[in-house]
């Protein structure tokens, strides 16, 4: 594992099965790392500048990632190859991603405008602006993370910080 600054860590979803119980992904400056042995060893999946990853709730082959200058990228082979999934994003590079655990093709991302949430109902093929988060227009507020409630997937949370 490199000396990269960690941006995002994700555990394999329960829907992947018991065989993935020790699988963890780390998106760090310079690469996406994966361990299948609880952290004893790490392998580089993508040696590029990704900030965050989102994992398909039931299919280990499908991984989404966002990165500086890369936009949203999707892998359909467990991270071996990557392709852009940016239609509708128009020069937006979201800093964070979330997958709806009940509707696996539904993804959420933070937009570049304060509090903007982007949504894809097509597994990242196309994106649209969904809403603007309350309080986002207040001076000094910046959204930093988006999360889908695992118990009520119609509820999406956005966390922010003062700048």
N, C-alpha and C. Protein backbone atom coordinates (compact mmCIF):
# COMPACT_ATOMS: atom_id res chain seq x y z
N UNK A 1 0.84 -1.16 0.00
CA UNK A 1 0.00 0.00 0.00
C UNK A 1 0.89 1.23 0.00
N UNK A 2 0.51 2.25 -0.77
CA UNK A 2 1.36 3.45 -0.89
C UNK A 2 1.13 4.39 0.28
N UNK A 3 1.82 5.52 0.24
CA UNK A 3 1.68 6.54 1.27
C UNK A 3 0.58 7.53 0.93
N UNK A 4 -0.40 7.14 0.11
CA UNK A 4 -1.45 8.03 -0.34
C UNK A 4 -2.35 8.50 0.80
N UNK A 5 -2.94 9.67 0.62
CA UNK A 5 -3.88 10.21 1.58
C UNK A 5 -5.25 9.57 1.33
N UNK A 6 -5.83 8.92 2.31
CA UNK A 6 -7.09 8.21 2.14
C UNK A 6 -8.26 9.16 1.95
N UNK A 7 -9.11 8.87 0.98
CA UNK A 7 -10.31 9.65 0.74
C UNK A 7 -11.57 8.86 1.05
N UNK A 8 -11.59 7.57 0.78
CA UNK A 8 -12.82 6.80 0.92
C UNK A 8 -12.49 5.34 1.19
N UNK A 9 -13.23 4.75 2.12
CA UNK A 9 -13.07 3.33 2.40
C UNK A 9 -14.46 2.69 2.34
N UNK A 10 -14.57 1.54 1.68
CA UNK A 10 -15.85 0.85 1.53
C UNK A 10 -15.66 -0.64 1.80
N UNK A 11 -16.55 -1.18 2.60
CA UNK A 11 -16.58 -2.62 2.83
C UNK A 11 -17.48 -3.27 1.79
N UNK A 12 -17.15 -4.49 1.39
CA UNK A 12 -18.01 -5.20 0.44
C UNK A 12 -19.40 -5.33 1.03
N UNK A 13 -20.45 -5.05 0.24
CA UNK A 13 -21.81 -5.14 0.75
C UNK A 13 -22.19 -6.57 1.13
N UNK A 14 -23.08 -6.74 2.11
CA UNK A 14 -23.52 -8.08 2.50
C UNK A 14 -24.09 -8.88 1.33
N UNK A 15 -24.68 -8.19 0.35
CA UNK A 15 -25.25 -8.86 -0.82
C UNK A 15 -24.24 -9.56 -1.69
N UNK A 16 -22.95 -9.30 -1.48
CA UNK A 16 -21.91 -10.00 -2.23
C UNK A 16 -21.68 -11.40 -1.69
N UNK A 17 -22.13 -11.66 -0.47
CA UNK A 17 -21.99 -13.00 0.10
C UNK A 17 -20.83 -13.11 1.07
N UNK A 18 -20.83 -14.20 1.80
CA UNK A 18 -19.83 -14.47 2.84
C UNK A 18 -18.41 -14.53 2.29
N UNK A 19 -18.24 -14.95 1.06
CA UNK A 19 -16.91 -15.05 0.47
C UNK A 19 -16.19 -13.70 0.43
N UNK A 20 -16.94 -12.59 0.51
CA UNK A 20 -16.36 -11.25 0.45
C UNK A 20 -16.32 -10.57 1.82
N UNK A 21 -16.46 -11.32 2.89
CA UNK A 21 -16.56 -10.74 4.23
C UNK A 21 -15.31 -9.98 4.66
N UNK A 22 -14.17 -10.25 4.03
CA UNK A 22 -12.94 -9.54 4.38
C UNK A 22 -12.47 -8.60 3.27
N UNK A 23 -13.36 -8.32 2.32
CA UNK A 23 -13.01 -7.46 1.19
C UNK A 23 -13.30 -6.00 1.53
N UNK A 24 -12.28 -5.17 1.34
CA UNK A 24 -12.37 -3.74 1.61
C UNK A 24 -11.73 -3.00 0.45
N UNK A 25 -12.32 -1.86 0.08
CA UNK A 25 -11.77 -1.00 -0.97
C UNK A 25 -11.36 0.33 -0.35
N UNK A 26 -10.27 0.89 -0.86
CA UNK A 26 -9.78 2.17 -0.40
C UNK A 26 -9.48 3.03 -1.62
N UNK A 27 -10.16 4.17 -1.72
CA UNK A 27 -9.85 5.14 -2.78
C UNK A 27 -8.94 6.17 -2.16
N UNK A 28 -7.74 6.30 -2.71
CA UNK A 28 -6.75 7.22 -2.17
C UNK A 28 -6.11 7.97 -3.33
N UNK A 29 -5.48 9.10 -3.02
CA UNK A 29 -4.80 9.84 -4.08
C UNK A 29 -3.87 8.90 -4.83
N UNK A 30 -4.11 8.77 -6.09
CA UNK A 30 -3.23 7.96 -6.90
C UNK A 30 -3.72 6.57 -7.23
N UNK A 31 -4.74 6.03 -6.51
CA UNK A 31 -5.13 4.66 -6.82
C UNK A 31 -6.39 4.22 -6.06
N UNK A 32 -6.93 3.10 -6.52
CA UNK A 32 -7.95 2.37 -5.76
C UNK A 32 -7.30 1.06 -5.34
N UNK A 33 -7.36 0.80 -4.05
CA UNK A 33 -6.76 -0.41 -3.49
C UNK A 33 -7.86 -1.37 -3.04
N UNK A 34 -7.54 -2.67 -3.07
CA UNK A 34 -8.49 -3.69 -2.63
C UNK A 34 -7.76 -4.74 -1.81
N UNK A 35 -8.40 -5.15 -0.71
CA UNK A 35 -7.90 -6.27 0.06
C UNK A 35 -9.01 -7.31 0.15
N UNK A 36 -8.65 -8.57 0.06
CA UNK A 36 -9.60 -9.66 0.23
C UNK A 36 -9.29 -10.47 1.48
N UNK A 37 -8.31 -10.00 2.26
CA UNK A 37 -7.90 -10.73 3.46
C UNK A 37 -7.92 -9.83 4.71
N UNK A 38 -8.86 -8.88 4.72
CA UNK A 38 -9.01 -8.01 5.88
C UNK A 38 -7.90 -7.01 6.10
N UNK A 39 -7.09 -6.75 5.09
CA UNK A 39 -6.05 -5.74 5.18
C UNK A 39 -4.63 -6.28 5.29
N UNK A 40 -4.45 -7.60 5.32
CA UNK A 40 -3.11 -8.17 5.40
C UNK A 40 -2.30 -7.85 4.14
N UNK A 41 -2.97 -7.82 2.99
CA UNK A 41 -2.31 -7.46 1.74
C UNK A 41 -3.28 -6.64 0.90
N UNK A 42 -2.73 -5.79 0.03
CA UNK A 42 -3.52 -4.89 -0.80
C UNK A 42 -3.07 -4.99 -2.25
N UNK A 43 -4.01 -4.86 -3.17
CA UNK A 43 -3.71 -4.84 -4.60
C UNK A 43 -4.27 -3.54 -5.18
N UNK A 44 -3.57 -2.98 -6.15
CA UNK A 44 -4.03 -1.77 -6.83
C UNK A 44 -4.96 -2.17 -7.96
N UNK A 45 -6.20 -1.62 -7.94
CA UNK A 45 -7.15 -1.85 -9.03
C UNK A 45 -7.03 -0.79 -10.11
N UNK A 46 -6.84 0.44 -9.69
CA UNK A 46 -6.79 1.54 -10.64
C UNK A 46 -5.75 2.55 -10.18
N UNK A 47 -4.65 2.67 -10.91
CA UNK A 47 -3.59 3.60 -10.51
C UNK A 47 -3.85 5.02 -11.02
N UNK A 48 -5.05 5.54 -10.76
CA UNK A 48 -5.39 6.91 -11.17
C UNK A 48 -6.00 7.64 -9.99
N UNK A 49 -6.27 8.90 -10.16
CA UNK A 49 -6.63 9.79 -9.07
C UNK A 49 -8.12 9.74 -8.71
N UNK A 50 -8.59 8.68 -8.05
CA UNK A 50 -9.98 8.57 -7.62
C UNK A 50 -10.14 9.03 -6.18
N UNK A 51 -11.28 9.73 -5.89
CA UNK A 51 -11.57 10.23 -4.55
C UNK A 51 -12.54 9.33 -3.80
N UNK A 52 -13.49 8.71 -4.52
CA UNK A 52 -14.54 7.95 -3.86
C UNK A 52 -14.97 6.80 -4.76
N UNK A 53 -15.49 5.76 -4.13
CA UNK A 53 -16.02 4.62 -4.86
C UNK A 53 -17.38 4.25 -4.31
N UNK A 54 -18.19 3.62 -5.15
CA UNK A 54 -19.48 3.09 -4.73
C UNK A 54 -19.56 1.68 -5.29
N UNK A 55 -20.04 0.76 -4.47
CA UNK A 55 -20.08 -0.65 -4.85
C UNK A 55 -21.52 -1.09 -5.08
N UNK A 56 -21.71 -1.87 -6.14
CA UNK A 56 -23.03 -2.44 -6.42
C UNK A 56 -23.43 -3.32 -5.24
N UNK A 57 -24.69 -3.23 -4.78
CA UNK A 57 -25.07 -3.97 -3.58
C UNK A 57 -25.06 -5.49 -3.71
N UNK A 58 -25.15 -6.02 -4.95
CA UNK A 58 -25.20 -7.48 -5.10
C UNK A 58 -24.22 -8.05 -6.13
N UNK A 59 -23.61 -7.20 -6.94
CA UNK A 59 -22.75 -7.67 -8.02
C UNK A 59 -21.32 -7.17 -7.83
N UNK A 60 -20.39 -8.04 -7.44
CA UNK A 60 -19.01 -7.62 -7.20
C UNK A 60 -18.29 -7.10 -8.45
N UNK A 61 -18.83 -7.34 -9.63
CA UNK A 61 -18.19 -6.88 -10.85
C UNK A 61 -18.40 -5.39 -11.09
N UNK A 62 -19.44 -4.81 -10.49
CA UNK A 62 -19.81 -3.42 -10.79
C UNK A 62 -19.28 -2.49 -9.69
N UNK A 63 -18.38 -1.59 -10.09
CA UNK A 63 -17.80 -0.60 -9.19
C UNK A 63 -17.88 0.75 -9.88
N UNK A 64 -18.30 1.78 -9.16
CA UNK A 64 -18.33 3.14 -9.66
C UNK A 64 -17.25 3.93 -8.92
N UNK A 65 -16.66 4.91 -9.59
CA UNK A 65 -15.64 5.73 -8.95
C UNK A 65 -15.71 7.15 -9.49
N UNK A 66 -15.30 8.10 -8.69
CA UNK A 66 -15.16 9.49 -9.13
C UNK A 66 -13.75 9.95 -8.80
N UNK A 67 -13.23 10.82 -9.68
CA UNK A 67 -11.89 11.29 -9.44
C UNK A 67 -11.62 12.61 -10.10
N UNK A 68 -10.60 13.30 -9.61
CA UNK A 68 -10.23 14.60 -10.15
C UNK A 68 -9.89 14.49 -11.63
N UNK A 69 -10.59 15.25 -12.43
CA UNK A 69 -10.34 15.27 -13.86
C UNK A 69 -10.87 14.06 -14.60
N UNK A 70 -11.43 13.08 -13.88
CA UNK A 70 -11.90 11.84 -14.52
C UNK A 70 -13.42 11.76 -14.60
N UNK A 71 -14.11 12.54 -13.78
CA UNK A 71 -15.56 12.42 -13.70
C UNK A 71 -15.95 11.09 -13.09
N UNK A 72 -17.13 10.61 -13.44
CA UNK A 72 -17.61 9.33 -12.94
C UNK A 72 -17.15 8.23 -13.88
N UNK A 73 -16.58 7.18 -13.32
CA UNK A 73 -16.11 6.03 -14.08
C UNK A 73 -16.81 4.78 -13.57
N UNK A 74 -17.06 3.82 -14.48
CA UNK A 74 -17.72 2.58 -14.09
C UNK A 74 -16.90 1.40 -14.59
N UNK A 75 -16.77 0.40 -13.71
CA UNK A 75 -16.14 -0.85 -14.08
C UNK A 75 -17.20 -1.95 -14.01
N UNK A 76 -17.25 -2.77 -15.03
CA UNK A 76 -18.19 -3.90 -15.06
C UNK A 76 -17.47 -5.23 -14.90
N UNK A 77 -16.15 -5.16 -14.56
CA UNK A 77 -15.36 -6.38 -14.42
C UNK A 77 -14.53 -6.38 -13.14
N UNK A 78 -15.09 -5.79 -12.09
CA UNK A 78 -14.41 -5.80 -10.80
C UNK A 78 -13.22 -4.86 -10.68
N UNK A 79 -13.10 -3.92 -11.59
CA UNK A 79 -12.02 -2.94 -11.52
C UNK A 79 -10.88 -3.16 -12.49
N UNK A 80 -10.99 -4.15 -13.36
CA UNK A 80 -9.92 -4.40 -14.34
C UNK A 80 -9.89 -3.31 -15.41
N UNK A 81 -11.08 -2.91 -15.89
CA UNK A 81 -11.18 -1.84 -16.88
C UNK A 81 -12.23 -0.83 -16.42
N UNK A 82 -12.10 0.40 -16.92
CA UNK A 82 -12.98 1.50 -16.51
C UNK A 82 -13.44 2.26 -17.74
N UNK A 83 -14.68 2.79 -17.69
CA UNK A 83 -15.23 3.61 -18.77
C UNK A 83 -15.99 4.77 -18.16
N UNK A 84 -16.01 5.88 -18.88
CA UNK A 84 -16.71 7.07 -18.40
C UNK A 84 -18.22 6.81 -18.34
N UNK A 85 -18.85 7.36 -17.31
CA UNK A 85 -20.31 7.30 -17.14
C UNK A 85 -20.75 8.72 -16.80
N UNK A 86 -20.65 9.61 -17.79
CA UNK A 86 -20.76 11.04 -17.51
C UNK A 86 -21.86 11.77 -18.29
N UNK A 87 -22.69 11.08 -19.06
CA UNK A 87 -23.71 11.79 -19.82
C UNK A 87 -24.65 12.53 -18.87
N UNK A 88 -24.79 13.82 -19.09
CA UNK A 88 -25.64 14.64 -18.24
C UNK A 88 -24.89 15.34 -17.12
N UNK A 89 -23.60 15.08 -16.99
CA UNK A 89 -22.83 15.72 -15.93
C UNK A 89 -22.21 17.04 -16.36
N UNK A 90 -21.99 17.25 -17.65
CA UNK A 90 -21.51 18.51 -18.21
C UNK A 90 -20.46 19.21 -17.35
N UNK A 91 -19.28 18.75 -17.40
CA UNK A 91 -18.12 19.34 -16.74
C UNK A 91 -18.19 19.30 -15.21
N UNK A 92 -19.02 18.43 -14.66
CA UNK A 92 -19.11 18.27 -13.21
C UNK A 92 -18.28 17.05 -12.83
N UNK A 93 -17.48 17.19 -11.80
CA UNK A 93 -16.74 16.06 -11.25
C UNK A 93 -17.20 15.88 -9.81
N UNK A 94 -18.18 14.97 -9.59
CA UNK A 94 -18.71 14.80 -8.24
C UNK A 94 -17.65 14.30 -7.26
N UNK A 95 -17.64 14.85 -6.03
CA UNK A 95 -16.66 14.39 -5.05
C UNK A 95 -17.09 13.14 -4.28
N UNK A 96 -18.37 12.74 -4.40
CA UNK A 96 -18.87 11.63 -3.58
C UNK A 96 -19.99 10.91 -4.31
N UNK A 97 -20.10 9.59 -4.09
CA UNK A 97 -21.12 8.74 -4.72
C UNK A 97 -21.83 7.90 -3.67
N UNK A 98 -23.09 7.53 -3.96
CA UNK A 98 -23.83 6.59 -3.12
C UNK A 98 -24.74 5.75 -4.01
N UNK A 99 -24.92 4.48 -3.63
CA UNK A 99 -25.77 3.55 -4.37
C UNK A 99 -27.01 3.26 -3.53
N UNK A 100 -28.18 3.26 -4.18
CA UNK A 100 -29.42 2.89 -3.51
C UNK A 100 -29.44 1.37 -3.36
N UNK A 101 -29.48 0.85 -2.12
CA UNK A 101 -29.42 -0.60 -1.93
C UNK A 101 -30.66 -1.34 -2.41
N UNK A 102 -31.79 -0.64 -2.57
CA UNK A 102 -33.02 -1.29 -3.03
C UNK A 102 -33.22 -1.19 -4.53
N UNK A 103 -32.64 -0.18 -5.15
CA UNK A 103 -32.74 0.01 -6.60
C UNK A 103 -31.31 0.14 -7.11
N UNK A 104 -30.73 -0.97 -7.46
CA UNK A 104 -29.30 -1.04 -7.72
C UNK A 104 -28.81 -0.18 -8.89
N UNK A 105 -29.71 0.23 -9.75
CA UNK A 105 -29.32 1.10 -10.86
C UNK A 105 -29.38 2.57 -10.48
N UNK A 106 -29.82 2.87 -9.25
CA UNK A 106 -29.96 4.26 -8.81
C UNK A 106 -28.72 4.69 -8.03
N UNK A 107 -28.10 5.76 -8.52
CA UNK A 107 -26.90 6.32 -7.91
C UNK A 107 -27.14 7.79 -7.60
N UNK A 108 -26.49 8.27 -6.57
CA UNK A 108 -26.53 9.69 -6.22
C UNK A 108 -25.10 10.20 -6.16
N UNK A 109 -24.92 11.46 -6.53
CA UNK A 109 -23.61 12.11 -6.47
C UNK A 109 -23.80 13.56 -6.07
N UNK A 110 -22.78 14.11 -5.46
CA UNK A 110 -22.80 15.54 -5.15
C UNK A 110 -22.40 16.31 -6.40
N UNK A 111 -23.10 17.39 -6.65
CA UNK A 111 -22.77 18.24 -7.79
C UNK A 111 -21.76 19.29 -7.43
N UNK A 112 -21.38 20.10 -8.41
CA UNK A 112 -20.37 21.12 -8.15
C UNK A 112 -20.97 22.38 -7.53
N UNK A 113 -22.25 22.66 -7.77
CA UNK A 113 -22.90 23.81 -7.13
C UNK A 113 -23.24 23.44 -5.70
N UNK A 114 -23.21 24.39 -4.81
CA UNK A 114 -23.46 24.14 -3.39
C UNK A 114 -24.77 23.41 -3.18
N UNK A 115 -24.71 22.22 -2.61
CA UNK A 115 -25.89 21.46 -2.26
C UNK A 115 -26.59 20.73 -3.39
N UNK A 116 -26.05 20.76 -4.58
CA UNK A 116 -26.68 20.08 -5.71
C UNK A 116 -26.49 18.58 -5.60
N UNK A 117 -27.59 17.83 -5.77
CA UNK A 117 -27.52 16.37 -5.80
C UNK A 117 -27.82 15.92 -7.22
N UNK A 118 -27.02 15.00 -7.72
CA UNK A 118 -27.23 14.42 -9.03
C UNK A 118 -27.74 13.00 -8.86
N UNK A 119 -28.59 12.56 -9.79
CA UNK A 119 -29.17 11.22 -9.68
C UNK A 119 -29.09 10.52 -11.03
N UNK A 120 -28.77 9.23 -10.98
CA UNK A 120 -28.80 8.38 -12.15
C UNK A 120 -29.72 7.20 -11.84
N UNK A 121 -30.66 6.93 -12.73
CA UNK A 121 -31.53 5.75 -12.62
C UNK A 121 -31.09 4.66 -13.58
N UNK A 122 -29.90 4.85 -14.17
CA UNK A 122 -29.44 3.94 -15.21
C UNK A 122 -28.05 3.38 -14.92
N UNK A 123 -27.71 3.26 -13.66
CA UNK A 123 -26.40 2.72 -13.30
C UNK A 123 -25.25 3.60 -13.71
N UNK A 124 -25.50 4.89 -13.86
CA UNK A 124 -24.45 5.83 -14.22
C UNK A 124 -24.40 6.16 -15.69
N UNK A 125 -25.27 5.58 -16.51
CA UNK A 125 -25.29 5.89 -17.95
C UNK A 125 -25.64 7.35 -18.19
N UNK A 126 -26.69 7.84 -17.50
CA UNK A 126 -27.12 9.22 -17.63
C UNK A 126 -27.37 9.79 -16.24
N UNK A 127 -27.26 11.12 -16.11
CA UNK A 127 -27.41 11.81 -14.84
C UNK A 127 -28.32 13.01 -15.02
N UNK A 128 -29.00 13.41 -13.91
CA UNK A 128 -29.81 14.63 -13.91
C UNK A 128 -29.70 15.28 -12.54
N UNK A 129 -29.95 16.59 -12.51
CA UNK A 129 -29.95 17.32 -11.25
C UNK A 129 -31.25 17.01 -10.53
N UNK A 130 -31.13 16.63 -9.26
CA UNK A 130 -32.31 16.22 -8.50
C UNK A 130 -32.87 17.34 -7.64
N UNK A 131 -32.02 17.96 -6.83
CA UNK A 131 -32.51 18.95 -5.88
C UNK A 131 -31.35 19.76 -5.35
N UNK A 132 -31.69 20.75 -4.59
CA UNK A 132 -30.68 21.51 -3.86
C UNK A 132 -30.96 21.33 -2.38
N UNK A 133 -29.95 21.00 -1.63
CA UNK A 133 -30.06 20.71 -0.22
C UNK A 133 -30.38 21.98 0.57
N UNK A 134 -31.30 21.88 1.52
CA UNK A 134 -31.62 23.01 2.40
C UNK A 134 -30.35 23.47 3.12
N UNK A 135 -30.22 24.74 3.30
CA UNK A 135 -29.07 25.39 3.94
C UNK A 135 -27.85 25.47 3.04
N UNK A 136 -27.93 24.91 1.85
CA UNK A 136 -26.74 24.90 0.99
C UNK A 136 -26.35 26.31 0.55
N UNK A 137 -27.31 27.21 0.48
CA UNK A 137 -27.00 28.55 0.03
C UNK A 137 -26.41 29.44 1.10
N UNK A 138 -26.36 28.96 2.32
CA UNK A 138 -25.81 29.77 3.40
C UNK A 138 -24.30 29.93 3.22
N UNK A 139 -23.82 31.13 3.47
CA UNK A 139 -22.36 31.35 3.31
C UNK A 139 -21.55 30.39 4.18
N UNK A 140 -20.49 29.87 3.59
CA UNK A 140 -19.58 29.03 4.35
C UNK A 140 -19.99 27.58 4.49
N UNK A 141 -21.02 27.12 3.76
CA UNK A 141 -21.45 25.73 3.87
C UNK A 141 -21.02 24.97 2.63
N UNK A 142 -20.50 23.77 2.81
CA UNK A 142 -20.04 22.96 1.69
C UNK A 142 -20.44 21.50 1.90
N UNK A 143 -21.14 20.91 0.92
CA UNK A 143 -21.50 19.49 0.99
C UNK A 143 -20.25 18.65 0.80
N UNK A 144 -20.15 17.55 1.57
CA UNK A 144 -18.97 16.72 1.46
C UNK A 144 -19.24 15.25 1.27
N UNK A 145 -20.49 14.81 1.57
CA UNK A 145 -20.77 13.39 1.50
C UNK A 145 -22.25 13.17 1.25
N UNK A 146 -22.57 12.11 0.51
CA UNK A 146 -23.96 11.73 0.24
C UNK A 146 -24.12 10.26 0.62
N UNK A 147 -25.26 9.91 1.22
CA UNK A 147 -25.50 8.55 1.69
C UNK A 147 -26.98 8.21 1.55
N UNK A 148 -27.29 7.01 1.07
CA UNK A 148 -28.66 6.52 0.99
C UNK A 148 -28.95 5.73 2.25
N UNK A 149 -30.08 6.03 2.89
CA UNK A 149 -30.49 5.33 4.10
C UNK A 149 -30.69 3.85 3.76
N UNK A 150 -29.98 2.92 4.42
CA UNK A 150 -30.11 1.50 4.09
C UNK A 150 -31.45 0.89 4.51
N UNK A 151 -32.21 1.58 5.35
CA UNK A 151 -33.50 1.07 5.80
C UNK A 151 -34.67 1.71 5.07
N UNK A 152 -34.48 2.91 4.53
CA UNK A 152 -35.52 3.62 3.79
C UNK A 152 -34.83 4.32 2.63
N UNK A 153 -34.70 3.62 1.51
CA UNK A 153 -33.85 4.11 0.42
C UNK A 153 -34.40 5.35 -0.27
N UNK A 154 -35.63 5.74 0.02
CA UNK A 154 -36.13 6.99 -0.53
C UNK A 154 -35.58 8.19 0.22
N UNK A 155 -34.85 7.94 1.30
CA UNK A 155 -34.25 9.00 2.10
C UNK A 155 -32.75 9.07 1.76
N UNK A 156 -32.33 10.25 1.32
CA UNK A 156 -30.93 10.48 0.95
C UNK A 156 -30.39 11.59 1.84
N UNK A 157 -29.26 11.34 2.46
CA UNK A 157 -28.63 12.31 3.35
C UNK A 157 -27.43 12.95 2.68
N UNK A 158 -27.24 14.22 2.96
CA UNK A 158 -26.06 14.94 2.51
C UNK A 158 -25.44 15.58 3.74
N UNK A 159 -24.18 15.32 3.95
CA UNK A 159 -23.47 15.91 5.08
C UNK A 159 -22.60 17.05 4.56
N UNK A 160 -22.50 18.09 5.35
CA UNK A 160 -21.70 19.23 4.93
C UNK A 160 -20.89 19.78 6.08
N UNK A 161 -20.01 20.67 5.74
CA UNK A 161 -19.12 21.31 6.71
C UNK A 161 -19.08 22.80 6.43
N UNK A 162 -18.83 23.56 7.46
CA UNK A 162 -18.50 24.96 7.21
C UNK A 162 -17.15 25.01 6.50
N UNK A 163 -17.01 25.95 5.62
CA UNK A 163 -15.74 26.10 4.89
C UNK A 163 -14.79 26.91 5.74
